[in-house]
Amino acid sequence: MSDLRAQPLEASKHDAGPAASAVSPPADFAFEPRYVSVAGHDIHYVEVGEGDPILFLHGNPTSSYVYRNVIGPVAESTGRRCIAMDLLGFGRSDKPDLDYSCRLHAEMIAGFVEALKLDRITLVAEDWGGFLGGWVMTREPALFQSAVFMETFLWPMTYADDYDPAFVKPFKLMRSPVGGFFSKRLNLMINKLIPEHCPISDESLAYYRESLPTYRSRRALGDFPKLLPTDGQPEASHVFARELQEGLREVSAPVLWIKADPGVVVSMNNPIGMGRLEELQQRLPQMVIRDFGPGSHFLTEEDPDKVASMVSTWLNELRDADAPRASRGARAS
């Protein structure tokens, strides 16, 4: 796979901001709702296509809806079965009033994979979906063919290295006892965070609002900022992140990292944070880094066509690269 390997990207001088396109992507979510029971909870998902599965995982505060304009084109281009699930507490999945944890979310994803009897999986994940889905991949590497990550993190973080200085105080506030007022009562994660980072129509924003309509229904949304493994706290999340880091050394499947300019989680405006990708390539030497171009955080809302194209192109390259080896193996047998 060395011919598909990209060099780590250099820090960019571009200014931060929303996607280059100001056009909101289509709002239609024209998929049949499907449900599967995992650990006594109904988990919602949508799917399209046939073949080896591609599992799409979202982050906070979105849902499978964030992939509405991605899974169809990817299924058509790759000839694969594309599945997008709602994490517990999000979208149309159950929203129990319980203490959420990284391990609980990851175990729900693993249970979803088991319930649908998925294997030969390609993981496509953003934000929390990458952190949680990456952990599942390290626990069951034989089930995964490949993985695509964007705007996510696969490591424990620090305020000094991973946060824009302007965001440190807001994040600390969100992790404080009063943070629930802002995230759950005022619903600022949806009402403010999403529109500030991407072009989105009122209709699309309404879907996110309506899927988490009440204070009680936003428990998982409000807990995620508190679960970020930052400066060693909370300890359980930090342990989870360390397990993920060590487990990545056992992953041999091809990995694609889609890097936006400037991005948010790993920002080109933060050379120290960009070093995270170099550290990650030491653990995943097979990882390919490809430039998304101008983008912020919610890349599948900012430019779903580009996300679909980049994922499809890379997976088809992998398929085409494997075809000669498979043919030689068939002739040898």
C-alpha atoms as a PDB file:
ATOM      1  CA  MET A   1       0.000   0.000   0.000  1.00  0.00           C
ATOM      2  CA  SER A   2       2.992   2.333  -0.095  1.00  0.00           C
ATOM      3  CA  ASP A   3       1.793   3.877  -3.351  1.00  0.00           C
ATOM      4  CA  LEU A   4      -1.315   5.130  -1.543  1.00  0.00           C
ATOM      5  CA  ARG A   5       0.578   6.575   1.407  1.00  0.00           C
ATOM      6  CA  ALA A   6       0.550  10.355   1.814  1.00  0.00           C
ATOM      7  CA  GLN A   7       3.004  12.448   3.751  1.00  0.00           C
ATOM      8  CA  PRO A   8       1.802  14.246   6.899  1.00  0.00           C
ATOM      9  CA  LEU A   9       0.323  17.617   6.015  1.00  0.00           C
ATOM     10  CA  GLU A  10       2.093  20.811   6.949  1.00  0.00           C
ATOM     11  CA  ALA A  11       0.400  23.368   9.173  1.00  0.00           C
ATOM     12  CA  SER A  12      -1.704  25.767   7.109  1.00  0.00           C
ATOM     13  CA  LYS A  13      -1.914  29.542   7.267  1.00  0.00           C
ATOM     14  CA  HIS A  14      -5.551  29.576   6.167  1.00  0.00           C
ATOM     15  CA  ASP A  15      -7.995  31.300   8.464  1.00  0.00           C
ATOM     16  CA  ALA A  16     -10.500  29.240  10.430  1.00  0.00           C
ATOM     17  CA  GLY A  17     -14.091  29.344   9.319  1.00  0.00           C
ATOM     18  CA  PRO A  18     -17.029  27.408   7.880  1.00  0.00           C
ATOM     19  CA  ALA A  19     -16.843  25.421   4.681  1.00  0.00           C
ATOM     20  CA  ALA A  20     -15.943  27.185   1.470  1.00  0.00           C
ATOM     21  CA  SER A  21     -19.415  26.485   0.068  1.00  0.00           C
ATOM     22  CA  ALA A  22     -22.272  28.494   1.558  1.00  0.00           C
ATOM     23  CA  VAL A  23     -24.881  26.174   0.008  1.00  0.00           C
ATOM     24  CA  SER A  24     -26.759  24.014   2.490  1.00  0.00           C
ATOM     25  CA  PRO A  25     -26.847  20.336   1.505  1.00  0.00           C
ATOM     26  CA  PRO A  26     -30.248  18.667   0.939  1.00  0.00           C
ATOM     27  CA  ALA A  27     -32.282  18.009   4.081  1.00  0.00           C
ATOM     28  CA  ASP A  28     -34.185  14.908   2.909  1.00  0.00           C
ATOM     29  CA  PHE A  29     -33.668  11.778   5.022  1.00  0.00           C
ATOM     30  CA  ALA A  30     -35.354   9.347   2.672  1.00  0.00           C
ATOM     31  CA  PHE A  31     -34.362   6.072   4.326  1.00  0.00           C
ATOM     32  CA  GLU A  32     -36.492   3.425   5.985  1.00  0.00           C
ATOM     33  CA  PRO A  33     -35.972   3.596   9.768  1.00  0.00           C
ATOM     34  CA  ARG A  34     -34.599   0.319  11.122  1.00  0.00           C
ATOM     35  CA  TYR A  35     -34.114  -0.767  14.708  1.00  0.00           C
ATOM     36  CA  VAL A  36     -32.170  -3.440  16.533  1.00  0.00           C
ATOM     37  CA  SER A  37     -32.148  -4.203  20.244  1.00  0.00           C
ATOM     38  CA  VAL A  38     -28.754  -3.882  21.943  1.00  0.00           C
ATOM     39  CA  ALA A  39     -28.492  -4.509  25.688  1.00  0.00           C
ATOM     40  CA  GLY A  40     -32.213  -3.839  26.039  1.00  0.00           C
ATOM     41  CA  HIS A  41     -32.133  -0.532  24.123  1.00  0.00           C
ATOM     42  CA  ASP A  42     -33.547   0.158  20.665  1.00  0.00           C
ATOM     43  CA  ILE A  43     -30.819   1.418  18.350  1.00  0.00           C
ATOM     44  CA  HIS A  44     -31.909   3.151  15.168  1.00  0.00           C
ATOM     45  CA  TYR A  45     -30.039   2.850  11.887  1.00  0.00           C
ATOM     46  CA  VAL A  46     -30.477   3.330   8.160  1.00  0.00           C
ATOM     47  CA  GLU A  47     -28.855   1.419   5.359  1.00  0.00           C
ATOM     48  CA  VAL A  48     -28.571   1.246   1.600  1.00  0.00           C
ATOM     49  CA  GLY A  49     -26.816  -1.085  -0.823  1.00  0.00           C
ATOM     50  CA  GLU A  50     -25.429  -4.604  -0.587  1.00  0.00           C
ATOM     51  CA  GLY A  51     -22.065  -6.245  -0.075  1.00  0.00           C
ATOM     52  CA  ASP A  52     -19.400  -5.835   2.584  1.00  0.00           C
ATOM     53  CA  PRO A  53     -20.616  -3.294   5.158  1.00  0.00           C
ATOM     54  CA  ILE A  54     -19.413   0.245   5.657  1.00  0.00           C
ATOM     55  CA  LEU A  55     -20.372   1.412   9.148  1.00  0.00           C
ATOM     56  CA  PHE A  56     -20.794   5.185   9.547  1.00  0.00           C
ATOM     57  CA  LEU A  57     -20.538   6.614  13.069  1.00  0.00           C
ATOM     58  CA  HIS A  58     -21.432  10.183  14.026  1.00  0.00           C
ATOM     59  CA  GLY A  59     -20.354  12.438  16.863  1.00  0.00           C
ATOM     60  CA  ASN A  60     -21.872  15.055  19.159  1.00  0.00           C
ATOM     61  CA  PRO A  61     -24.494  16.556  18.766  1.00  0.00           C
ATOM     62  CA  THR A  62     -25.479  14.927  15.464  1.00  0.00           C
ATOM     63  CA  SER A  63     -26.806  11.486  14.461  1.00  0.00           C
ATOM     64  CA  SER A  64     -26.989   9.189  11.441  1.00  0.00           C
ATOM     65  CA  TYR A  65     -28.721  12.125   9.740  1.00  0.00           C
ATOM     66  CA  VAL A  66     -25.306  13.734   9.233  1.00  0.00           C
ATOM     67  CA  TYR A  67     -24.550  11.020   6.633  1.00  0.00           C
ATOM     68  CA  ARG A  68     -27.843  11.389   4.714  1.00  0.00           C
ATOM     69  CA  ASN A  69     -26.101  12.745   1.596  1.00  0.00           C
ATOM     70  CA  VAL A  70     -23.088  10.427   1.858  1.00  0.00           C
ATOM     71  CA  ILE A  71     -24.224   6.818   2.231  1.00  0.00           C
ATOM     72  CA  GLY A  72     -26.196   6.649  -1.022  1.00  0.00           C
ATOM     73  CA  PRO A  73     -23.369   7.872  -3.287  1.00  0.00           C
ATOM     74  CA  VAL A  74     -20.803   5.706  -1.477  1.00  0.00           C
ATOM     75  CA  ALA A  75     -23.000   2.605  -1.811  1.00  0.00           C
ATOM     76  CA  GLU A  76     -23.473   3.287  -5.511  1.00  0.00           C
ATOM     77  CA  SER A  77     -19.809   3.984  -6.208  1.00  0.00           C
ATOM     78  CA  THR A  78     -18.319   1.119  -4.191  1.00  0.00           C
ATOM     79  CA  GLY A  79     -20.995  -1.543  -4.514  1.00  0.00           C
ATOM     80  CA  ARG A  80     -21.045  -1.845  -0.730  1.00  0.00           C
ATOM     81  CA  ARG A  81     -23.694  -1.926   1.995  1.00  0.00           C
ATOM     82  CA  CYS A  82     -23.674   1.407   3.844  1.00  0.00           C
ATOM     83  CA  ILE A  83     -25.057   1.509   7.393  1.00  0.00           C
ATOM     84  CA  ALA A  84     -25.364   4.617   9.571  1.00  0.00           C
ATOM     85  CA  MET A  85     -26.405   4.105  13.199  1.00  0.00           C
ATOM     86  CA  ASP A  86     -27.546   6.479  15.926  1.00  0.00           C
ATOM     87  CA  LEU A  87     -25.490   6.218  19.088  1.00  0.00           C
ATOM     88  CA  LEU A  88     -27.413   5.532  22.272  1.00  0.00           C
ATOM     89  CA  GLY A  89     -29.014   8.815  23.347  1.00  0.00           C
ATOM     90  CA  PHE A  90     -29.021  10.365  19.863  1.00  0.00           C
ATOM     91  CA  GLY A  91     -31.238  10.581  16.800  1.00  0.00           C
ATOM     92  CA  ARG A  92     -34.033   8.021  16.915  1.00  0.00           C
ATOM     93  CA  SER A  93     -32.231   5.624  19.257  1.00  0.00           C
ATOM     94  CA  ASP A  94     -33.409   5.222  22.838  1.00  0.00           C
ATOM     95  CA  LYS A  95     -32.429   8.004  25.222  1.00  0.00           C
ATOM     96  CA  PRO A  96     -32.245   6.420  28.673  1.00  0.00           C
ATOM     97  CA  ASP A  97     -31.557   8.616  31.680  1.00  0.00           C
ATOM     98  CA  LEU A  98     -28.355   6.975  32.870  1.00  0.00           C
ATOM     99  CA  ASP A  99     -24.687   7.706  33.451  1.00  0.00           C
ATOM    100  CA  TYR A 100     -23.053   7.556  30.037  1.00  0.00           C
ATOM    101  CA  SER A 101     -19.413   6.602  29.608  1.00  0.00           C
ATOM    102  CA  CYS A 102     -17.005   6.019  26.739  1.00  0.00           C
ATOM    103  CA  ARG A 103     -17.043   2.303  27.501  1.00  0.00           C
ATOM    104  CA  LEU A 104     -20.857   2.150  27.480  1.00  0.00           C
ATOM    105  CA  HIS A 105     -21.061   3.853  24.084  1.00  0.00           C
ATOM    106  CA  ALA A 106     -18.328   1.607  22.664  1.00  0.00           C
ATOM    107  CA  GLU A 107     -19.999  -1.524  24.000  1.00  0.00           C
ATOM    108  CA  MET A 108     -23.255  -0.438  22.367  1.00  0.00           C
ATOM    109  CA  ILE A 109     -21.439  -0.099  19.032  1.00  0.00           C
ATOM    110  CA  ALA A 110     -19.868  -3.531  19.507  1.00  0.00           C
ATOM    111  CA  GLY A 111     -23.299  -4.937  20.369  1.00  0.00           C
ATOM    112  CA  PHE A 112     -24.754  -3.343  17.241  1.00  0.00           C
ATOM    113  CA  VAL A 113     -22.054  -4.986  15.111  1.00  0.00           C
ATOM    114  CA  GLU A 114     -22.767  -8.338  16.763  1.00  0.00           C
ATOM    115  CA  ALA A 115     -26.555  -8.003  16.443  1.00  0.00           C
ATOM    116  CA  LEU A 116     -26.304  -7.326  12.707  1.00  0.00           C
ATOM    117  CA  LYS A 117     -23.607 -10.007  12.343  1.00  0.00           C
ATOM    118  CA  LEU A 118     -21.305  -7.586  10.544  1.00  0.00           C
ATOM    119  CA  ASP A 119     -17.803  -8.508   9.417  1.00  0.00           C
ATOM    120  CA  ARG A 120     -15.378  -7.328   6.737  1.00  0.00           C
ATOM    121  CA  ILE A 121     -16.363  -3.859   7.961  1.00  0.00           C
ATOM    122  CA  THR A 122     -15.046  -0.519   6.803  1.00  0.00           C
ATOM    123  CA  LEU A 123     -15.437   2.040   9.582  1.00  0.00           C
ATOM    124  CA  VAL A 124     -16.171   5.647   8.544  1.00  0.00           C
ATOM    125  CA  ALA A 125     -16.275   7.911  11.564  1.00  0.00           C
ATOM    126  CA  GLU A 126     -16.104  11.511  12.672  1.00  0.00           C
ATOM    127  CA  ASP A 127     -15.767  13.221  16.057  1.00  0.00           C
ATOM    128  CA  TRP A 128     -16.769  10.885  18.928  1.00  0.00           C
ATOM    129  CA  GLY A 129     -17.608   8.184  16.389  1.00  0.00           C
ATOM    130  CA  GLY A 130     -13.916   7.824  15.580  1.00  0.00           C
ATOM    131  CA  PHE A 131     -12.826   7.637  19.209  1.00  0.00           C
ATOM    132  CA  LEU A 132     -15.487   5.078  20.132  1.00  0.00           C
ATOM    133  CA  GLY A 133     -15.470   3.127  16.876  1.00  0.00           C
ATOM    134  CA  GLY A 134     -11.670   3.082  16.857  1.00  0.00           C
ATOM    135  CA  TRP A 135     -11.705   1.411  20.285  1.00  0.00           C
ATOM    136  CA  VAL A 136     -14.131  -1.245  19.000  1.00  0.00           C
ATOM    137  CA  MET A 137     -11.858  -1.865  16.020  1.00  0.00           C
ATOM    138  CA  THR A 138      -8.883  -2.463  18.319  1.00  0.00           C
ATOM    139  CA  ARG A 139     -10.916  -4.993  20.342  1.00  0.00           C
ATOM    140  CA  GLU A 140     -12.067  -6.939  17.258  1.00  0.00           C
ATOM    141  CA  PRO A 141      -9.546  -6.146  14.495  1.00  0.00           C
ATOM    142  CA  ALA A 142     -10.444  -9.266  12.532  1.00  0.00           C
ATOM    143  CA  LEU A 143     -13.895  -7.826  11.840  1.00  0.00           C
ATOM    144  CA  PHE A 144     -12.554  -4.702  10.120  1.00  0.00           C
ATOM    145  CA  GLN A 145     -11.208  -4.381   6.575  1.00  0.00           C
ATOM    146  CA  SER A 146     -10.320  -0.701   6.752  1.00  0.00           C
ATOM    147  CA  ALA A 147     -11.167   2.589   8.430  1.00  0.00           C
ATOM    148  CA  VAL A 148     -11.704   6.236   7.487  1.00  0.00           C
ATOM    149  CA  PHE A 149     -11.378   8.957  10.134  1.00  0.00           C
ATOM    150  CA  MET A 150     -12.123  12.686   9.932  1.00  0.00           C
ATOM    151  CA  GLU A 151     -12.309  15.432  12.526  1.00  0.00           C
ATOM    152  CA  THR A 152     -11.792  12.976  15.363  1.00  0.00           C
ATOM    153  CA  PHE A 153      -9.224  12.041  18.001  1.00  0.00           C
ATOM    154  CA  LEU A 154      -7.615   8.718  18.851  1.00  0.00           C
ATOM    155  CA  TRP A 155      -5.596   9.831  21.871  1.00  0.00           C
ATOM    156  CA  PRO A 156      -5.906  11.407  25.328  1.00  0.00           C
ATOM    157  CA  MET A 157      -5.848  15.188  25.055  1.00  0.00           C
ATOM    158  CA  THR A 158      -4.515  18.203  26.925  1.00  0.00           C
ATOM    159  CA  TYR A 159      -5.815  21.757  26.961  1.00  0.00           C
ATOM    160  CA  ALA A 160      -2.358  23.027  25.998  1.00  0.00           C
ATOM    161  CA  ASP A 161      -1.900  20.829  22.914  1.00  0.00           C
ATOM    162  CA  ASP A 162      -5.356  20.033  21.580  1.00  0.00           C
ATOM    163  CA  TYR A 163      -7.615  23.018  22.223  1.00  0.00           C
ATOM    164  CA  ASP A 164      -7.755  26.385  20.551  1.00  0.00           C
ATOM    165  CA  PRO A 165      -7.014  28.875  23.365  1.00  0.00           C
ATOM    166  CA  ALA A 166     -10.300  30.622  22.645  1.00  0.00           C
ATOM    167  CA  PHE A 167     -12.177  27.367  23.313  1.00  0.00           C
ATOM    168  CA  VAL A 168     -10.510  26.382  26.591  1.00  0.00           C
ATOM    169  CA  LYS A 169     -12.809  28.378  28.861  1.00  0.00           C
ATOM    170  CA  PRO A 170     -16.017  27.319  27.052  1.00  0.00           C
ATOM    171  CA  PHE A 171     -14.979  23.647  27.204  1.00  0.00           C
ATOM    172  CA  LYS A 172     -14.132  23.898  30.890  1.00  0.00           C
ATOM    173  CA  LEU A 173     -17.502  25.513  31.456  1.00  0.00           C
ATOM    174  CA  MET A 174     -19.246  22.687  29.584  1.00  0.00           C
ATOM    175  CA  ARG A 175     -17.475  20.184  31.841  1.00  0.00           C
ATOM    176  CA  SER A 176     -18.506  22.042  34.996  1.00  0.00           C
ATOM    177  CA  PRO A 177     -21.691  21.464  37.055  1.00  0.00           C
ATOM    178  CA  VAL A 178     -23.350  24.397  35.282  1.00  0.00           C
ATOM    179  CA  GLY A 179     -22.424  23.073  31.846  1.00  0.00           C
ATOM    180  CA  GLY A 180     -25.636  21.083  31.644  1.00  0.00           C
ATOM    181  CA  PHE A 181     -27.638  24.314  31.646  1.00  0.00           C
ATOM    182  CA  PHE A 182     -25.964  25.467  28.458  1.00  0.00           C
ATOM    183  CA  SER A 183     -25.841  22.125  26.672  1.00  0.00           C
ATOM    184  CA  LYS A 184     -29.157  20.643  27.773  1.00  0.00           C
ATOM    185  CA  ARG A 185     -31.431  23.514  28.789  1.00  0.00           C
ATOM    186  CA  LEU A 186     -30.355  26.032  26.098  1.00  0.00           C
ATOM    187  CA  ASN A 187     -29.342  23.309  23.615  1.00  0.00           C
ATOM    188  CA  LEU A 188     -26.349  25.385  22.491  1.00  0.00           C
ATOM    189  CA  MET A 189     -24.552  22.390  20.964  1.00  0.00           C
ATOM    190  CA  ILE A 190     -27.220  22.265  18.263  1.00  0.00           C
ATOM    191  CA  ASN A 191     -28.471  25.845  18.200  1.00  0.00           C
ATOM    192  CA  LYS A 192     -25.033  27.477  18.113  1.00  0.00           C
ATOM    193  CA  LEU A 193     -22.211  24.986  17.457  1.00  0.00           C
ATOM    194  CA  ILE A 194     -23.546  23.424  14.260  1.00  0.00           C
ATOM    195  CA  PRO A 195     -24.556  26.665  12.459  1.00  0.00           C
ATOM    196  CA  GLU A 196     -21.235  28.300  13.362  1.00  0.00           C
ATOM    197  CA  HIS A 197     -19.238  25.503  11.736  1.00  0.00           C
ATOM    198  CA  CYS A 198     -21.168  24.717   8.570  1.00  0.00           C
ATOM    199  CA  PRO A 199     -23.857  25.915   6.183  1.00  0.00           C
ATOM    200  CA  ILE A 200     -27.094  24.236   7.214  1.00  0.00           C
ATOM    201  CA  SER A 201     -30.718  24.836   6.321  1.00  0.00           C
ATOM    202  CA  ASP A 202     -33.424  25.524   8.876  1.00  0.00           C
ATOM    203  CA  GLU A 203     -35.028  22.214   7.887  1.00  0.00           C
ATOM    204  CA  SER A 204     -31.853  20.242   8.585  1.00  0.00           C
ATOM    205  CA  LEU A 205     -31.213  22.024  11.858  1.00  0.00           C
ATOM    206  CA  ALA A 206     -34.809  21.292  12.842  1.00  0.00           C
ATOM    207  CA  TYR A 207     -34.142  17.552  12.464  1.00  0.00           C
ATOM    208  CA  TYR A 208     -31.346  17.715  15.022  1.00  0.00           C
ATOM    209  CA  ARG A 209     -33.502  19.791  17.377  1.00  0.00           C
ATOM    210  CA  GLU A 210     -36.533  17.521  17.039  1.00  0.00           C
ATOM    211  CA  SER A 211     -34.516  14.361  17.650  1.00  0.00           C
ATOM    212  CA  LEU A 212     -33.435  15.786  21.035  1.00  0.00           C
ATOM    213  CA  PRO A 213     -36.503  17.847  21.953  1.00  0.00           C
ATOM    214  CA  THR A 214     -36.326  18.019  25.751  1.00  0.00           C
ATOM    215  CA  TYR A 215     -33.886  18.611  28.577  1.00  0.00           C
ATOM    216  CA  ARG A 216     -34.088  14.953  29.636  1.00  0.00           C
ATOM    217  CA  SER A 217     -33.550  13.679  26.092  1.00  0.00           C
ATOM    218  CA  ARG A 218     -30.220  15.573  25.904  1.00  0.00           C
ATOM    219  CA  ARG A 219     -28.501  13.590  28.662  1.00  0.00           C
ATOM    220  CA  ALA A 220     -25.998  11.889  26.322  1.00  0.00           C
ATOM    221  CA  LEU A 221     -25.363  15.164  24.466  1.00  0.00           C
ATOM    222  CA  GLY A 222     -24.578  16.967  27.718  1.00  0.00           C
ATOM    223  CA  ASP A 223     -22.392  14.151  29.060  1.00  0.00           C
ATOM    224  CA  PHE A 224     -20.014  13.973  26.083  1.00  0.00           C
ATOM    225  CA  PRO A 225     -18.061  17.176  26.905  1.00  0.00           C
ATOM    226  CA  LYS A 226     -17.550  15.829  30.423  1.00  0.00           C
ATOM    227  CA  LEU A 227     -16.236  12.534  29.006  1.00  0.00           C
ATOM    228  CA  LEU A 228     -13.459  14.059  26.878  1.00  0.00           C
ATOM    229  CA  PRO A 229     -10.155  12.564  28.096  1.00  0.00           C
ATOM    230  CA  THR A 230      -8.424  15.870  28.889  1.00  0.00           C
ATOM    231  CA  ASP A 231      -5.489  16.453  31.243  1.00  0.00           C
ATOM    232  CA  GLY A 232      -6.019  12.990  32.710  1.00  0.00           C
ATOM    233  CA  GLN A 233      -9.658  13.560  33.607  1.00  0.00           C
ATOM    234  CA  PRO A 234     -12.036  11.886  33.890  1.00  0.00           C
ATOM    235  CA  GLU A 235      -9.867   8.927  34.807  1.00  0.00           C
ATOM    236  CA  ALA A 236     -12.145   6.342  33.187  1.00  0.00           C
ATOM    237  CA  SER A 237     -12.023   8.193  29.850  1.00  0.00           C
ATOM    238  CA  HIS A 238      -8.256   8.567  30.132  1.00  0.00           C
ATOM    239  CA  VAL A 239      -7.869   4.806  30.689  1.00  0.00           C
ATOM    240  CA  PHE A 240     -10.176   4.183  27.708  1.00  0.00           C
ATOM    241  CA  ALA A 241      -8.046   6.481  25.527  1.00  0.00           C
ATOM    242  CA  ARG A 242      -4.843   4.723  26.562  1.00  0.00           C
ATOM    243  CA  GLU A 243      -6.394   1.358  25.727  1.00  0.00           C
ATOM    244  CA  LEU A 244      -7.290   2.724  22.298  1.00  0.00           C
ATOM    245  CA  GLN A 245      -3.772   4.048  21.711  1.00  0.00           C
ATOM    246  CA  GLU A 246      -2.111   0.777  22.635  1.00  0.00           C
ATOM    247  CA  GLY A 247      -4.663  -1.241  20.672  1.00  0.00           C
ATOM    248  CA  LEU A 248      -3.952   0.692  17.493  1.00  0.00           C
ATOM    249  CA  ARG A 249      -0.572  -1.044  17.283  1.00  0.00           C
ATOM    250  CA  GLU A 250      -2.453  -4.278  16.617  1.00  0.00           C
ATOM    251  CA  VAL A 251      -4.431  -2.800  13.711  1.00  0.00           C
ATOM    252  CA  SER A 252      -3.006  -3.754  10.325  1.00  0.00           C
ATOM    253  CA  ALA A 253      -5.997  -2.746   8.197  1.00  0.00           C
ATOM    254  CA  PRO A 254      -5.587   0.217   5.812  1.00  0.00           C
ATOM    255  CA  VAL A 255      -6.539   3.566   7.359  1.00  0.00           C
ATOM    256  CA  LEU A 256      -7.439   6.875   5.704  1.00  0.00           C
ATOM    257  CA  TRP A 257      -7.357  10.187   7.573  1.00  0.00           C
ATOM    258  CA  ILE A 258      -9.270  12.997   5.855  1.00  0.00           C
ATOM    259  CA  LYS A 259      -7.748  16.310   6.924  1.00  0.00           C
ATOM    260  CA  ALA A 260      -9.632  19.571   6.468  1.00  0.00           C
ATOM    261  CA  ASP A 261      -8.032  23.010   6.247  1.00  0.00           C
ATOM    262  CA  PRO A 262      -7.949  24.347   8.881  1.00  0.00           C
ATOM    263  CA  GLY A 263     -10.110  21.793  10.672  1.00  0.00           C
ATOM    264  CA  VAL A 264     -10.970  21.894  14.361  1.00  0.00           C
ATOM    265  CA  VAL A 265     -10.006  18.707  16.219  1.00  0.00           C
ATOM    266  CA  VAL A 266      -6.580  18.555  14.566  1.00  0.00           C
ATOM    267  CA  SER A 267      -6.221  22.111  13.351  1.00  0.00           C
ATOM    268  CA  MET A 268      -3.690  23.264  10.796  1.00  0.00           C
ATOM    269  CA  ASN A 269      -3.602  26.480  12.803  1.00  0.00           C
ATOM    270  CA  ASN A 270      -2.094  24.532  15.708  1.00  0.00           C
ATOM    271  CA  PRO A 271       1.338  23.032  14.835  1.00  0.00           C
ATOM    272  CA  ILE A 272       1.467  21.224  18.200  1.00  0.00           C
ATOM    273  CA  GLY A 273      -1.884  19.619  17.559  1.00  0.00           C
ATOM    274  CA  MET A 274      -0.817  18.687  14.030  1.00  0.00           C
ATOM    275  CA  GLY A 275       1.935  16.654  15.640  1.00  0.00           C
ATOM    276  CA  ARG A 276      -0.773  14.280  16.801  1.00  0.00           C
ATOM    277  CA  LEU A 277      -1.052  12.957  13.243  1.00  0.00           C
ATOM    278  CA  GLU A 278       2.673  12.293  13.110  1.00  0.00           C
ATOM    279  CA  GLU A 279       2.443  10.400  16.399  1.00  0.00           C
ATOM    280  CA  LEU A 280      -0.545   8.484  15.070  1.00  0.00           C
ATOM    281  CA  GLN A 281       1.366   7.414  11.961  1.00  0.00           C
ATOM    282  CA  GLN A 282       3.985   5.860  14.208  1.00  0.00           C
ATOM    283  CA  ARG A 283       1.247   3.630  15.598  1.00  0.00           C
ATOM    284  CA  LEU A 284      -0.457   3.219  12.206  1.00  0.00           C
ATOM    285  CA  PRO A 285       2.343   3.303   9.607  1.00  0.00           C
ATOM    286  CA  GLN A 286      -0.161   2.203   6.954  1.00  0.00           C
ATOM    287  CA  MET A 287      -2.261   5.340   7.470  1.00  0.00           C
ATOM    288  CA  VAL A 288      -2.906   7.572   4.461  1.00  0.00           C
ATOM    289  CA  ILE A 289      -3.555  11.296   4.998  1.00  0.00           C
ATOM    290  CA  ARG A 290      -5.454  13.121   2.286  1.00  0.00           C
ATOM    291  CA  ASP A 291      -6.337  16.795   2.056  1.00  0.00           C
ATOM    292  CA  PHE A 292     -10.027  17.636   2.152  1.00  0.00           C
ATOM    293  CA  GLY A 293      -9.417  21.263   1.300  1.00  0.00           C
ATOM    294  CA  PRO A 294     -11.240  24.102   3.082  1.00  0.00           C
ATOM    295  CA  GLY A 295     -13.302  22.774   5.942  1.00  0.00           C
ATOM    296  CA  SER A 296     -14.082  23.110   9.610  1.00  0.00           C
ATOM    297  CA  HIS A 297     -15.609  20.300  11.709  1.00  0.00           C
ATOM    298  CA  PHE A 298     -18.890  18.913  10.346  1.00  0.00           C
ATOM    299  CA  LEU A 299     -17.436  17.873   6.991  1.00  0.00           C
ATOM    300  CA  THR A 300     -20.417  15.749   5.977  1.00  0.00           C
ATOM    301  CA  GLU A 301     -22.631  18.818   6.391  1.00  0.00           C
ATOM    302  CA  GLU A 302     -20.119  21.195   4.814  1.00  0.00           C
ATOM    303  CA  ASP A 303     -19.459  19.204   1.641  1.00  0.00           C
ATOM    304  CA  PRO A 304     -21.055  15.741   1.638  1.00  0.00           C
ATOM    305  CA  ASP A 305     -20.241  15.203  -2.032  1.00  0.00           C
ATOM    306  CA  LYS A 306     -16.532  15.602  -1.354  1.00  0.00           C
ATOM    307  CA  VAL A 307     -16.652  13.268   1.650  1.00  0.00           C
ATOM    308  CA  ALA A 308     -18.489  10.648  -0.409  1.00  0.00           C
ATOM    309  CA  SER A 309     -16.023  11.029  -3.279  1.00  0.00           C
ATOM    310  CA  MET A 310     -12.940  10.764  -1.066  1.00  0.00           C
ATOM    311  CA  VAL A 311     -14.241   7.708   0.786  1.00  0.00           C
ATOM    312  CA  SER A 312     -15.347   5.988  -2.428  1.00  0.00           C
ATOM    313  CA  THR A 313     -12.156   6.780  -4.325  1.00  0.00           C
ATOM    314  CA  TRP A 314      -9.943   5.402  -1.574  1.00  0.00           C
ATOM    315  CA  LEU A 315     -11.990   2.234  -1.094  1.00  0.00           C
ATOM    316  CA  ASN A 316     -12.028   1.595  -4.838  1.00  0.00           C
ATOM    317  CA  GLU A 317      -8.259   2.077  -4.928  1.00  0.00           C
ATOM    318  CA  LEU A 318      -7.903  -0.532  -2.209  1.00  0.00           C
ATOM    319  CA  ARG A 319     -10.178  -2.885  -4.112  1.00  0.00           C
ATOM    320  CA  ASP A 320      -8.281  -2.411  -7.362  1.00  0.00           C
ATOM    321  CA  ALA A 321      -4.924  -2.863  -5.627  1.00  0.00           C
ATOM    322  CA  ASP A 322      -6.119  -6.138  -4.092  1.00  0.00           C
ATOM    323  CA  ALA A 323      -7.575  -7.500  -7.335  1.00  0.00           C
ATOM    324  CA  PRO A 324      -4.238  -8.493  -8.976  1.00  0.00           C
ATOM    325  CA  ARG A 325      -3.114 -10.236  -5.770  1.00  0.00           C
ATOM    326  CA  ALA A 326      -6.408 -12.125  -5.555  1.00  0.00           C
ATOM    327  CA  SER A 327      -6.116 -13.103  -9.215  1.00  0.00           C
ATOM    328  CA  ARG A 328      -2.566 -14.365  -8.755  1.00  0.00           C
ATOM    329  CA  GLY A 329      -3.660 -16.340  -5.714  1.00  0.00           C
ATOM    330  CA  ALA A 330      -6.521 -17.928  -7.667  1.00  0.00           C
ATOM    331  CA  ARG A 331      -4.186 -18.943 -10.506  1.00  0.00           C
ATOM    332  CA  ALA A 332      -1.660 -20.383  -8.062  1.00  0.00           C
ATOM    333  CA  SER A 333      -4.297 -22.561  -6.432  1.00  0.00           C
END
